[in-house]
Amino acid sequence: YMNKDLAEYHVPVCADTPDIDVILIDKPDPIIDPMGAKGLGEI
């Protein structure tokens, strides 16, 4: 790898972050688990 540090491997910083509006539908799933939750971390 030629860009094996955080100076050359570019990731977003605060200046790159746009206005992000998150809408959570928040309706229980009646099947998967007793709390009504579903997976969130990756979707």
PDB file of all heavy atoms in Angstrom:
ATOM      1  N   TYR A   1       0.837  -1.200   0.000  1.00  0.00           N
ATOM      2  CA  TYR A   1       0.000   0.000   0.000  1.00  0.00           C
ATOM      3  C   TYR A   1       0.871   1.249   0.000  1.00  0.00           C
ATOM      4  O   TYR A   1       1.859   1.341   0.734  1.00  0.00           O
ATOM      5  CB  TYR A   1      -0.925   0.026   1.217  1.00  0.00           C
ATOM      6  CG  TYR A   1      -2.076  -0.946   1.109  1.00  0.00           C
ATOM      7  CD1 TYR A   1      -2.090  -2.116   1.859  1.00  0.00           C
ATOM      8  CD2 TYR A   1      -3.139  -0.695   0.254  1.00  0.00           C
ATOM      9  CE1 TYR A   1      -3.138  -3.015   1.758  1.00  0.00           C
ATOM     10  CE2 TYR A   1      -4.192  -1.582   0.146  1.00  0.00           C
ATOM     11  CZ  TYR A   1      -4.191  -2.738   0.896  1.00  0.00           C
ATOM     12  OH  TYR A   1      -5.220  -3.627   0.787  1.00  0.00           O
ATOM     13  N   MET A   2       0.480   2.218  -0.810  1.00  0.00           N
ATOM     14  CA  MET A   2       1.219   3.474  -0.877  1.00  0.00           C
ATOM     15  C   MET A   2       0.637   4.534   0.062  1.00  0.00           C
ATOM     16  O   MET A   2       1.349   5.450   0.465  1.00  0.00           O
ATOM     17  CB  MET A   2       1.203   4.013  -2.318  1.00  0.00           C
ATOM     18  CG  MET A   2       1.924   3.116  -3.317  1.00  0.00           C
ATOM     19  SD  MET A   2       2.076   3.892  -4.945  1.00  0.00           S
ATOM     20  CE  MET A   2       0.374   3.850  -5.490  1.00  0.00           C
ATOM     21  N   ASN A   3      -0.637   4.420   0.385  1.00  0.00           N
ATOM     22  CA  ASN A   3      -1.278   5.439   1.233  1.00  0.00           C
ATOM     23  C   ASN A   3      -1.692   4.840   2.573  1.00  0.00           C
ATOM     24  O   ASN A   3      -2.839   4.927   3.005  1.00  0.00           O
ATOM     25  CB  ASN A   3      -2.486   6.046   0.525  1.00  0.00           C
ATOM     26  CG  ASN A   3      -3.533   5.012   0.135  1.00  0.00           C
ATOM     27  OD1 ASN A   3      -3.245   3.824   0.060  1.00  0.00           O
ATOM     28  ND2 ASN A   3      -4.752   5.458  -0.089  1.00  0.00           N
ATOM     29  N   LYS A   4      -0.714   4.241   3.264  1.00  0.00           N
ATOM     30  CA  LYS A   4      -1.002   3.475   4.487  1.00  0.00           C
ATOM     31  C   LYS A   4      -0.932   4.337   5.751  1.00  0.00           C
ATOM     32  O   LYS A   4      -0.335   3.939   6.756  1.00  0.00           O
ATOM     33  CB  LYS A   4      -0.071   2.274   4.580  1.00  0.00           C
ATOM     34  CG  LYS A   4       1.407   2.583   4.476  1.00  0.00           C
ATOM     35  CD  LYS A   4       2.232   1.295   4.466  1.00  0.00           C
ATOM     36  CE  LYS A   4       3.724   1.563   4.472  1.00  0.00           C
ATOM     37  NZ  LYS A   4       4.191   2.276   3.285  1.00  0.00           N
ATOM     38  N   ASP A   5      -1.542   5.504   5.696  1.00  0.00           N
ATOM     39  CA  ASP A   5      -1.671   6.357   6.877  1.00  0.00           C
ATOM     40  C   ASP A   5      -2.868   7.268   6.670  1.00  0.00           C
ATOM     41  O   ASP A   5      -3.436   7.339   5.574  1.00  0.00           O
ATOM     42  CB  ASP A   5      -0.390   7.171   7.120  1.00  0.00           C
ATOM     43  CG  ASP A   5       0.023   7.989   5.906  1.00  0.00           C
ATOM     44  OD1 ASP A   5      -0.824   8.745   5.376  1.00  0.00           O
ATOM     45  OD2 ASP A   5       1.184   7.884   5.483  1.00  0.00           O
ATOM     46  N   LEU A   6      -3.249   7.982   7.713  1.00  0.00           N
ATOM     47  CA  LEU A   6      -4.443   8.824   7.625  1.00  0.00           C
ATOM     48  C   LEU A   6      -4.168  10.181   6.986  1.00  0.00           C
ATOM     49  O   LEU A   6      -5.090  10.987   6.837  1.00  0.00           O
ATOM     50  CB  LEU A   6      -5.065   8.991   9.013  1.00  0.00           C
ATOM     51  CG  LEU A   6      -5.698   7.713   9.571  1.00  0.00           C
ATOM     52  CD1 LEU A   6      -6.286   7.965  10.952  1.00  0.00           C
ATOM     53  CD2 LEU A   6      -6.758   7.160   8.638  1.00  0.00           C
ATOM     54  N   ALA A   7      -2.915  10.424   6.594  1.00  0.00           N
ATOM     55  CA  ALA A   7      -2.626  11.625   5.809  1.00  0.00           C
ATOM     56  C   ALA A   7      -2.971  11.389   4.340  1.00  0.00           C
ATOM     57  O   ALA A   7      -3.453  12.297   3.653  1.00  0.00           O
ATOM     58  CB  ALA A   7      -1.158  12.015   5.948  1.00  0.00           C
ATOM     59  N   GLU A   8      -2.743  10.162   3.866  1.00  0.00           N
ATOM     60  CA  GLU A   8      -2.947   9.862   2.447  1.00  0.00           C
ATOM     61  C   GLU A   8      -4.190   8.998   2.193  1.00  0.00           C
ATOM     62  O   GLU A   8      -4.737   9.033   1.090  1.00  0.00           O
ATOM     63  CB  GLU A   8      -1.709   9.143   1.885  1.00  0.00           C
ATOM     64  CG  GLU A   8      -0.435   9.970   1.963  1.00  0.00           C
ATOM     65  CD  GLU A   8      -0.524  11.246   1.152  1.00  0.00           C
ATOM     66  OE1 GLU A   8      -1.231  11.258   0.129  1.00  0.00           O
ATOM     67  OE2 GLU A   8       0.107  12.243   1.542  1.00  0.00           O
ATOM     68  N   TYR A   9      -4.599   8.198   3.169  1.00  0.00           N
ATOM     69  CA  TYR A   9      -5.849   7.463   3.032  1.00  0.00           C
ATOM     70  C   TYR A   9      -6.948   8.387   3.548  1.00  0.00           C
ATOM     71  O   TYR A   9      -7.100   8.594   4.751  1.00  0.00           O
ATOM     72  CB  TYR A   9      -5.813   6.160   3.836  1.00  0.00           C
ATOM     73  CG  TYR A   9      -7.062   5.312   3.668  1.00  0.00           C
ATOM     74  CD1 TYR A   9      -7.136   4.359   2.662  1.00  0.00           C
ATOM     75  CD2 TYR A   9      -8.158   5.480   4.509  1.00  0.00           C
ATOM     76  CE1 TYR A   9      -8.285   3.593   2.493  1.00  0.00           C
ATOM     77  CE2 TYR A   9      -9.298   4.726   4.356  1.00  0.00           C
ATOM     78  CZ  TYR A   9      -9.362   3.778   3.344  1.00  0.00           C
ATOM     79  OH  TYR A   9     -10.507   3.022   3.181  1.00  0.00           O
ATOM     80  N   HIS A  10      -7.689   8.972   2.643  1.00  0.00           N
ATOM     81  CA  HIS A  10      -8.586  10.055   3.009  1.00  0.00           C
ATOM     82  C   HIS A  10      -9.930   9.541   3.524  1.00  0.00           C
ATOM     83  O   HIS A  10     -10.553   8.663   2.914  1.00  0.00           O
ATOM     84  CB  HIS A  10      -8.816  10.974   1.808  1.00  0.00           C
ATOM     85  CG  HIS A  10      -7.569  11.655   1.348  1.00  0.00           C
ATOM     86  ND1 HIS A  10      -7.401  12.156   0.079  1.00  0.00           N
ATOM     87  CD2 HIS A  10      -6.406  11.918   2.000  1.00  0.00           C
ATOM     88  CE1 HIS A  10      -6.191  12.689  -0.040  1.00  0.00           C
ATOM     89  NE2 HIS A  10      -5.579  12.553   1.120  1.00  0.00           N
ATOM     90  N   VAL A  11     -10.357  10.094   4.648  1.00  0.00           N
ATOM     91  CA  VAL A  11     -11.676   9.815   5.211  1.00  0.00           C
ATOM     92  C   VAL A  11     -12.352  11.158   5.490  1.00  0.00           C
ATOM     93  O   VAL A  11     -11.682  12.189   5.639  1.00  0.00           O
ATOM     94  CB  VAL A  11     -11.574   8.989   6.515  1.00  0.00           C
ATOM     95  CG1 VAL A  11     -10.971   7.624   6.236  1.00  0.00           C
ATOM     96  CG2 VAL A  11     -10.763   9.725   7.576  1.00  0.00           C
ATOM     97  N   PRO A  12     -13.678  11.178   5.548  1.00  0.00           N
ATOM     98  CA  PRO A  12     -14.371  12.445   5.794  1.00  0.00           C
ATOM     99  C   PRO A  12     -14.048  13.017   7.170  1.00  0.00           C
ATOM    100  O   PRO A  12     -13.912  12.277   8.146  1.00  0.00           O
ATOM    101  CB  PRO A  12     -15.850  12.066   5.699  1.00  0.00           C
ATOM    102  CG  PRO A  12     -15.882  10.768   4.969  1.00  0.00           C
ATOM    103  CD  PRO A  12     -14.608  10.072   5.316  1.00  0.00           C
ATOM    104  N   VAL A  13     -13.918  14.317   7.234  1.00  0.00           N
ATOM    105  CA  VAL A  13     -13.746  15.037   8.494  1.00  0.00           C
ATOM    106  C   VAL A  13     -14.956  15.952   8.671  1.00  0.00           C
ATOM    107  O   VAL A  13     -15.867  15.963   7.849  1.00  0.00           O
ATOM    108  CB  VAL A  13     -12.426  15.836   8.502  1.00  0.00           C
ATOM    109  CG1 VAL A  13     -11.238  14.891   8.426  1.00  0.00           C
ATOM    110  CG2 VAL A  13     -12.374  16.833   7.354  1.00  0.00           C
ATOM    111  N   CYS A  14     -14.954  16.728   9.741  1.00  0.00           N
ATOM    112  CA  CYS A  14     -16.125  17.568  10.035  1.00  0.00           C
ATOM    113  C   CYS A  14     -16.454  18.511   8.881  1.00  0.00           C
ATOM    114  O   CYS A  14     -17.629  18.737   8.564  1.00  0.00           O
ATOM    115  CB  CYS A  14     -15.880  18.360  11.322  1.00  0.00           C
ATOM    116  SG  CYS A  14     -15.878  17.332  12.806  1.00  0.00           S
ATOM    117  N   ALA A  15     -15.424  19.056   8.232  1.00  0.00           N
ATOM    118  CA  ALA A  15     -15.650  19.999   7.139  1.00  0.00           C
ATOM    119  C   ALA A  15     -16.326  19.338   5.939  1.00  0.00           C
ATOM    120  O   ALA A  15     -16.936  20.022   5.111  1.00  0.00           O
ATOM    121  CB  ALA A  15     -14.328  20.623   6.707  1.00  0.00           C
ATOM    122  N   ASP A  16     -16.213  18.017   5.825  1.00  0.00           N
ATOM    123  CA  ASP A  16     -16.837  17.292   4.710  1.00  0.00           C
ATOM    124  C   ASP A  16     -18.258  16.860   5.020  1.00  0.00           C
ATOM    125  O   ASP A  16     -18.982  16.414   4.124  1.00  0.00           O
ATOM    126  CB  ASP A  16     -16.014  16.040   4.378  1.00  0.00           C
ATOM    127  CG  ASP A  16     -14.577  16.352   4.029  1.00  0.00           C
ATOM    128  OD1 ASP A  16     -14.363  17.175   3.122  1.00  0.00           O
ATOM    129  OD2 ASP A  16     -13.675  15.771   4.666  1.00  0.00           O
ATOM    130  N   THR A  17     -18.645  16.952   6.282  1.00  0.00           N
ATOM    131  CA  THR A  17     -19.926  16.389   6.707  1.00  0.00           C
ATOM    132  C   THR A  17     -21.066  17.331   6.367  1.00  0.00           C
ATOM    133  O   THR A  17     -21.081  18.487   6.787  1.00  0.00           O
ATOM    134  CB  THR A  17     -19.905  16.116   8.225  1.00  0.00           C
ATOM    135  OG1 THR A  17     -18.805  15.256   8.522  1.00  0.00           O
ATOM    136  CG2 THR A  17     -21.196  15.445   8.661  1.00  0.00           C
ATOM    137  N   PRO A  18     -22.042  16.857   5.609  1.00  0.00           N
ATOM    138  CA  PRO A  18     -23.160  17.708   5.214  1.00  0.00           C
ATOM    139  C   PRO A  18     -24.238  17.753   6.284  1.00  0.00           C
ATOM    140  O   PRO A  18     -24.122  17.132   7.344  1.00  0.00           O
ATOM    141  CB  PRO A  18     -23.684  16.995   3.965  1.00  0.00           C
ATOM    142  CG  PRO A  18     -23.433  15.542   4.263  1.00  0.00           C
ATOM    143  CD  PRO A  18     -22.138  15.506   5.038  1.00  0.00           C
ATOM    144  N   ASP A  19     -25.303  18.447   5.995  1.00  0.00           N
ATOM    145  CA  ASP A  19     -26.498  18.395   6.819  1.00  0.00           C
ATOM    146  C   ASP A  19     -27.139  17.023   6.613  1.00  0.00           C
ATOM    147  O   ASP A  19     -27.463  16.644   5.482  1.00  0.00           O
ATOM    148  CB  ASP A  19     -27.471  19.506   6.416  1.00  0.00           C
ATOM    149  CG  ASP A  19     -28.787  19.409   7.174  1.00  0.00           C
ATOM    150  OD1 ASP A  19     -28.753  19.464   8.409  1.00  0.00           O
ATOM    151  OD2 ASP A  19     -29.833  19.262   6.522  1.00  0.00           O
ATOM    152  N   ILE A  20     -27.286  16.262   7.694  1.00  0.00           N
ATOM    153  CA  ILE A  20     -27.825  14.904   7.607  1.00  0.00           C
ATOM    154  C   ILE A  20     -29.124  14.839   8.389  1.00  0.00           C
ATOM    155  O   ILE A  20     -29.151  15.074   9.597  1.00  0.00           O
ATOM    156  CB  ILE A  20     -26.829  13.857   8.154  1.00  0.00           C
ATOM    157  CG1 ILE A  20     -25.494  13.944   7.408  1.00  0.00           C
ATOM    158  CG2 ILE A  20     -27.412  12.449   8.030  1.00  0.00           C
ATOM    159  CD1 ILE A  20     -24.392  13.089   8.025  1.00  0.00           C
ATOM    160  N   ASP A  21     -30.193  14.543   7.699  1.00  0.00           N
ATOM    161  CA  ASP A  21     -31.513  14.434   8.312  1.00  0.00           C
ATOM    162  C   ASP A  21     -31.878  12.959   8.395  1.00  0.00           C
ATOM    163  O   ASP A  21     -31.990  12.284   7.372  1.00  0.00           O
ATOM    164  CB  ASP A  21     -32.528  15.197   7.451  1.00  0.00           C
ATOM    165  CG  ASP A  21     -33.852  15.395   8.169  1.00  0.00           C
ATOM    166  OD1 ASP A  21     -34.044  14.801   9.247  1.00  0.00           O
ATOM    167  OD2 ASP A  21     -34.703  16.134   7.647  1.00  0.00           O
ATOM    168  N   VAL A  22     -32.033  12.450   9.600  1.00  0.00           N
ATOM    169  CA  VAL A  22     -32.323  11.033   9.816  1.00  0.00           C
ATOM    170  C   VAL A  22     -33.798  10.862  10.151  1.00  0.00           C
ATOM    171  O   VAL A  22     -34.315  11.499  11.076  1.00  0.00           O
ATOM    172  CB  VAL A  22     -31.454  10.453  10.947  1.00  0.00           C
ATOM    173  CG1 VAL A  22     -31.818   8.990  11.197  1.00  0.00           C
ATOM    174  CG2 VAL A  22     -29.980  10.582  10.599  1.00  0.00           C
ATOM    175  N   ILE A  23     -34.461  10.017   9.393  1.00  0.00           N
ATOM    176  CA  ILE A  23     -35.862   9.674   9.656  1.00  0.00           C
ATOM    177  C   ILE A  23     -35.910   8.209  10.083  1.00  0.00           C
ATOM    178  O   ILE A  23     -35.503   7.321   9.329  1.00  0.00           O
ATOM    179  CB  ILE A  23     -36.735   9.872   8.399  1.00  0.00           C
ATOM    180  CG1 ILE A  23     -36.688  11.334   7.934  1.00  0.00           C
ATOM    181  CG2 ILE A  23     -38.168   9.447   8.672  1.00  0.00           C
ATOM    182  CD1 ILE A  23     -37.354  11.559   6.581  1.00  0.00           C
ATOM    183  N   LEU A  24     -36.377   7.961  11.281  1.00  0.00           N
ATOM    184  CA  LEU A  24     -36.526   6.603  11.781  1.00  0.00           C
ATOM    185  C   LEU A  24     -38.009   6.255  11.769  1.00  0.00           C
ATOM    186  O   LEU A  24     -38.809   6.883  12.472  1.00  0.00           O
ATOM    187  CB  LEU A  24     -35.952   6.491  13.193  1.00  0.00           C
ATOM    188  CG  LEU A  24     -34.446   6.805  13.312  1.00  0.00           C
ATOM    189  CD1 LEU A  24     -34.037   6.925  14.781  1.00  0.00           C
ATOM    190  CD2 LEU A  24     -33.614   5.735  12.621  1.00  0.00           C
ATOM    191  N   ILE A  25     -38.395   5.282  10.955  1.00  0.00           N
ATOM    192  CA  ILE A  25     -39.811   4.933  10.814  1.00  0.00           C
ATOM    193  C   ILE A  25     -40.384   4.458  12.148  1.00  0.00           C
ATOM    194  O   ILE A  25     -41.530   4.762  12.491  1.00  0.00           O
ATOM    195  CB  ILE A  25     -39.990   3.854   9.731  1.00  0.00           C
ATOM    196  CG1 ILE A  25     -39.443   4.364   8.385  1.00  0.00           C
ATOM    197  CG2 ILE A  25     -41.452   3.455   9.605  1.00  0.00           C
ATOM    198  CD1 ILE A  25     -40.082   5.632   7.873  1.00  0.00           C
ATOM    199  N   ASP A  26     -39.594   3.722  12.931  1.00  0.00           N
ATOM    200  CA  ASP A  26     -39.930   3.369  14.312  1.00  0.00           C
ATOM    201  C   ASP A  26     -41.251   2.602  14.427  1.00  0.00           C
ATOM    202  O   ASP A  26     -42.104   2.934  15.240  1.00  0.00           O
ATOM    203  CB  ASP A  26     -39.965   4.635  15.191  1.00  0.00           C
ATOM    204  CG  ASP A  26     -39.885   4.312  16.679  1.00  0.00           C
ATOM    205  OD1 ASP A  26     -39.574   3.156  17.019  1.00  0.00           O
ATOM    206  OD2 ASP A  26     -40.136   5.224  17.490  1.00  0.00           O
ATOM    207  N   LYS A  27     -41.395   1.563  13.609  1.00  0.00           N
ATOM    208  CA  LYS A  27     -42.550   0.673  13.729  1.00  0.00           C
ATOM    209  C   LYS A  27     -42.047  -0.710  14.130  1.00  0.00           C
ATOM    210  O   LYS A  27     -41.166  -1.258  13.486  1.00  0.00           O
ATOM    211  CB  LYS A  27     -43.322   0.606  12.417  1.00  0.00           C
ATOM    212  CG  LYS A  27     -44.079   1.886  12.102  1.00  0.00           C
ATOM    213  CD  LYS A  27     -45.034   1.694  10.938  1.00  0.00           C
ATOM    214  CE  LYS A  27     -45.883   2.950  10.727  1.00  0.00           C
ATOM    215  NZ  LYS A  27     -46.850   2.764   9.617  1.00  0.00           N
ATOM    216  N   PRO A  28     -42.611  -1.300  15.199  1.00  0.00           N
ATOM    217  CA  PRO A  28     -42.093  -2.571  15.701  1.00  0.00           C
ATOM    218  C   PRO A  28     -42.217  -3.702  14.689  1.00  0.00           C
ATOM    219  O   PRO A  28     -43.195  -3.773  13.937  1.00  0.00           O
ATOM    220  CB  PRO A  28     -42.965  -2.850  16.932  1.00  0.00           C
ATOM    221  CG  PRO A  28     -43.551  -1.531  17.305  1.00  0.00           C
ATOM    222  CD  PRO A  28     -43.703  -0.766  16.033  1.00  0.00           C
ATOM    223  N   ASP A  29     -41.212  -4.566  14.684  1.00  0.00           N
ATOM    224  CA  ASP A  29     -41.287  -5.814  13.943  1.00  0.00           C
ATOM    225  C   ASP A  29     -41.917  -6.856  14.871  1.00  0.00           C
ATOM    226  O   ASP A  29     -41.378  -7.117  15.953  1.00  0.00           O
ATOM    227  CB  ASP A  29     -39.889  -6.261  13.503  1.00  0.00           C
ATOM    228  CG  ASP A  29     -39.916  -7.497  12.632  1.00  0.00           C
ATOM    229  OD1 ASP A  29     -40.307  -8.563  13.140  1.00  0.00           O
ATOM    230  OD2 ASP A  29     -39.547  -7.409  11.453  1.00  0.00           O
ATOM    231  N   PRO A  30     -43.020  -7.461  14.489  1.00  0.00           N
ATOM    232  CA  PRO A  30     -43.723  -8.370  15.414  1.00  0.00           C
ATOM    233  C   PRO A  30     -43.159  -9.782  15.470  1.00  0.00           C
ATOM    234  O   PRO A  30     -43.643 -10.598  16.255  1.00  0.00           O
ATOM    235  CB  PRO A  30     -45.142  -8.398  14.825  1.00  0.00           C
ATOM    236  CG  PRO A  30     -44.929  -8.210  13.348  1.00  0.00           C
ATOM    237  CD  PRO A  30     -43.752  -7.284  13.217  1.00  0.00           C
ATOM    238  N   ILE A  31     -42.131 -10.083  14.675  1.00  0.00           N
ATOM    239  CA  ILE A  31     -41.701 -11.464  14.507  1.00  0.00           C
ATOM    240  C   ILE A  31     -40.335 -11.755  15.117  1.00  0.00           C
ATOM    241  O   ILE A  31     -40.143 -12.741  15.832  1.00  0.00           O
ATOM    242  CB  ILE A  31     -41.671 -11.835  13.005  1.00  0.00           C
ATOM    243  CG1 ILE A  31     -43.044 -11.632  12.365  1.00  0.00           C
ATOM    244  CG2 ILE A  31     -41.163 -13.263  12.804  1.00  0.00           C
ATOM    245  CD1 ILE A  31     -44.138 -12.488  12.942  1.00  0.00           C
ATOM    246  N   ILE A  32     -39.332 -10.918  14.832  1.00  0.00           N
ATOM    247  CA  ILE A  32     -37.940 -11.313  15.044  1.00  0.00           C
ATOM    248  C   ILE A  32     -37.576 -11.450  16.512  1.00  0.00           C
ATOM    249  O   ILE A  32     -36.886 -12.381  16.912  1.00  0.00           O
ATOM    250  CB  ILE A  32     -36.993 -10.314  14.343  1.00  0.00           C
ATOM    251  CG1 ILE A  32     -37.241 -10.347  12.826  1.00  0.00           C
ATOM    252  CG2 ILE A  32     -35.530 -10.671  14.621  1.00  0.00           C
ATOM    253  CD1 ILE A  32     -36.407  -9.344  12.053  1.00  0.00           C
ATOM    254  N   ASP A  33     -38.019 -10.504  17.348  1.00  0.00           N
ATOM    255  CA  ASP A  33     -37.606 -10.511  18.759  1.00  0.00           C
ATOM    256  C   ASP A  33     -38.700  -9.875  19.600  1.00  0.00           C
ATOM    257  O   ASP A  33     -39.578  -9.196  19.072  1.00  0.00           O
ATOM    258  CB  ASP A  33     -36.276  -9.763  18.927  1.00  0.00           C
ATOM    259  CG  ASP A  33     -36.379  -8.315  18.483  1.00  0.00           C
ATOM    260  OD1 ASP A  33     -36.889  -7.483  19.251  1.00  0.00           O
ATOM    261  OD2 ASP A  33     -35.965  -8.007  17.346  1.00  0.00           O
ATOM    262  N   PRO A  34     -38.652 -10.063  20.912  1.00  0.00           N
ATOM    263  CA  PRO A  34     -39.740  -9.561  21.760  1.00  0.00           C
ATOM    264  C   PRO A  34     -39.795  -8.047  21.898  1.00  0.00           C
ATOM    265  O   PRO A  34     -40.818  -7.502  22.295  1.00  0.00           O
ATOM    266  CB  PRO A  34     -39.464 -10.223  23.123  1.00  0.00           C
ATOM    267  CG  PRO A  34     -38.020 -10.586  23.097  1.00  0.00           C
ATOM    268  CD  PRO A  34     -37.704 -10.902  21.677  1.00  0.00           C
ATOM    269  N   MET A  35     -38.680  -7.346  21.562  1.00  0.00           N
ATOM    270  CA  MET A  35     -38.696  -5.880  21.667  1.00  0.00           C
ATOM    271  C   MET A  35     -39.269  -5.204  20.427  1.00  0.00           C
ATOM    272  O   MET A  35     -39.600  -4.034  20.450  1.00  0.00           O
ATOM    273  CB  MET A  35     -37.285  -5.340  21.904  1.00  0.00           C
ATOM    274  CG  MET A  35     -36.618  -5.812  23.184  1.00  0.00           C
ATOM    275  SD  MET A  35     -35.830  -7.407  22.939  1.00  0.00           S
ATOM    276  CE  MET A  35     -34.573  -7.024  21.716  1.00  0.00           C
ATOM    277  N   GLY A  36     -39.332  -5.928  19.311  1.00  0.00           N
ATOM    278  CA  GLY A  36     -39.804  -5.329  18.059  1.00  0.00           C
ATOM    279  C   GLY A  36     -38.717  -4.653  17.259  1.00  0.00           C
ATOM    280  O   GLY A  36     -39.004  -3.919  16.307  1.00  0.00           O
ATOM    281  N   ALA A  37     -37.440  -4.887  17.625  1.00  0.00           N
ATOM    282  CA  ALA A  37     -36.321  -4.225  16.945  1.00  0.00           C
ATOM    283  C   ALA A  37     -35.889  -5.004  15.709  1.00  0.00           C
ATOM    284  O   ALA A  37     -36.190  -6.195  15.557  1.00  0.00           O
ATOM    285  CB  ALA A  37     -35.143  -4.086  17.908  1.00  0.00           C
ATOM    286  N   LYS A  38     -35.172  -4.313  14.827  1.00  0.00           N
ATOM    287  CA  LYS A  38     -34.485  -4.931  13.698  1.00  0.00           C
ATOM    288  C   LYS A  38     -33.065  -4.367  13.646  1.00  0.00           C
ATOM    289  O   LYS A  38     -32.711  -3.451  14.379  1.00  0.00           O
ATOM    290  CB  LYS A  38     -35.211  -4.658  12.375  1.00  0.00           C
ATOM    291  CG  LYS A  38     -36.559  -5.324  12.254  1.00  0.00           C
ATOM    292  CD  LYS A  38     -37.062  -5.400  10.814  1.00  0.00           C
ATOM    293  CE  LYS A  38     -37.436  -4.064  10.242  1.00  0.00           C
ATOM    294  NZ  LYS A  38     -38.092  -4.193   8.907  1.00  0.00           N
ATOM    295  N   GLY A  39     -32.246  -4.929  12.760  1.00  0.00           N
ATOM    296  CA  GLY A  39     -30.859  -4.491  12.654  1.00  0.00           C
ATOM    297  C   GLY A  39     -30.749  -3.060  12.173  1.00  0.00           C
ATOM    298  O   GLY A  39     -31.436  -2.649  11.244  1.00  0.00           O
ATOM    299  N   LEU A  40     -29.830  -2.295  12.794  1.00  0.00           N
ATOM    300  CA  LEU A  40     -29.688  -0.878  12.467  1.00  0.00           C
ATOM    301  C   LEU A  40     -28.269  -0.463  12.102  1.00  0.00           C
ATOM    302  O   LEU A  40     -28.060   0.471  11.328  1.00  0.00           O
ATOM    303  CB  LEU A  40     -30.167  -0.036  13.666  1.00  0.00           C
ATOM    304  CG  LEU A  40     -30.028   1.484  13.541  1.00  0.00           C
ATOM    305  CD1 LEU A  40     -30.881   2.003  12.391  1.00  0.00           C
ATOM    306  CD2 LEU A  40     -30.418   2.173  14.834  1.00  0.00           C
ATOM    307  N   GLY A  41     -27.260  -1.145  12.632  1.00  0.00           N
ATOM    308  CA  GLY A  41     -25.892  -0.651  12.535  1.00  0.00           C
ATOM    309  C   GLY A  41     -25.379  -0.445  11.129  1.00  0.00           C
ATOM    310  O   GLY A  41     -24.538   0.421  10.892  1.00  0.00           O
ATOM    311  N   GLU A  42     -25.866  -1.246  10.170  1.00  0.00           N
ATOM    312  CA  GLU A  42     -25.304  -1.191   8.824  1.00  0.00           C
ATOM    313  C   GLU A  42     -26.250  -0.666   7.758  1.00  0.00           C
ATOM    314  O   GLU A  42     -25.801  -0.166   6.713  1.00  0.00           O
ATOM    315  CB  GLU A  42     -24.806  -2.587   8.433  1.00  0.00           C
ATOM    316  CG  GLU A  42     -23.434  -2.865   8.965  1.00  0.00           C
ATOM    317  CD  GLU A  42     -23.272  -4.237   9.616  1.00  0.00           C
ATOM    318  OE1 GLU A  42     -24.183  -4.681  10.313  1.00  0.00           O
ATOM    319  OE2 GLU A  42     -22.224  -4.845   9.431  1.00  0.00           O
ATOM    320  N   ILE A  43     -27.548  -0.730   7.970  1.00  0.00           N
ATOM    321  CA  ILE A  43     -28.500  -0.414   6.911  1.00  0.00           C
ATOM    322  C   ILE A  43     -28.319   1.007   6.373  1.00  0.00           C
ATOM    323  O   ILE A  43     -28.503   1.259   5.183  1.00  0.00           O
ATOM    324  CB  ILE A  43     -29.962  -0.645   7.398  1.00  0.00           C
ATOM    325  CG1 ILE A  43     -30.953  -0.348   6.277  1.00  0.00           C
ATOM    326  CG2 ILE A  43     -30.270   0.185   8.637  1.00  0.00           C
ATOM    327  CD1 ILE A  43     -30.787  -1.213   5.053  1.00  0.00           C
TER     328      ILE A  43
END
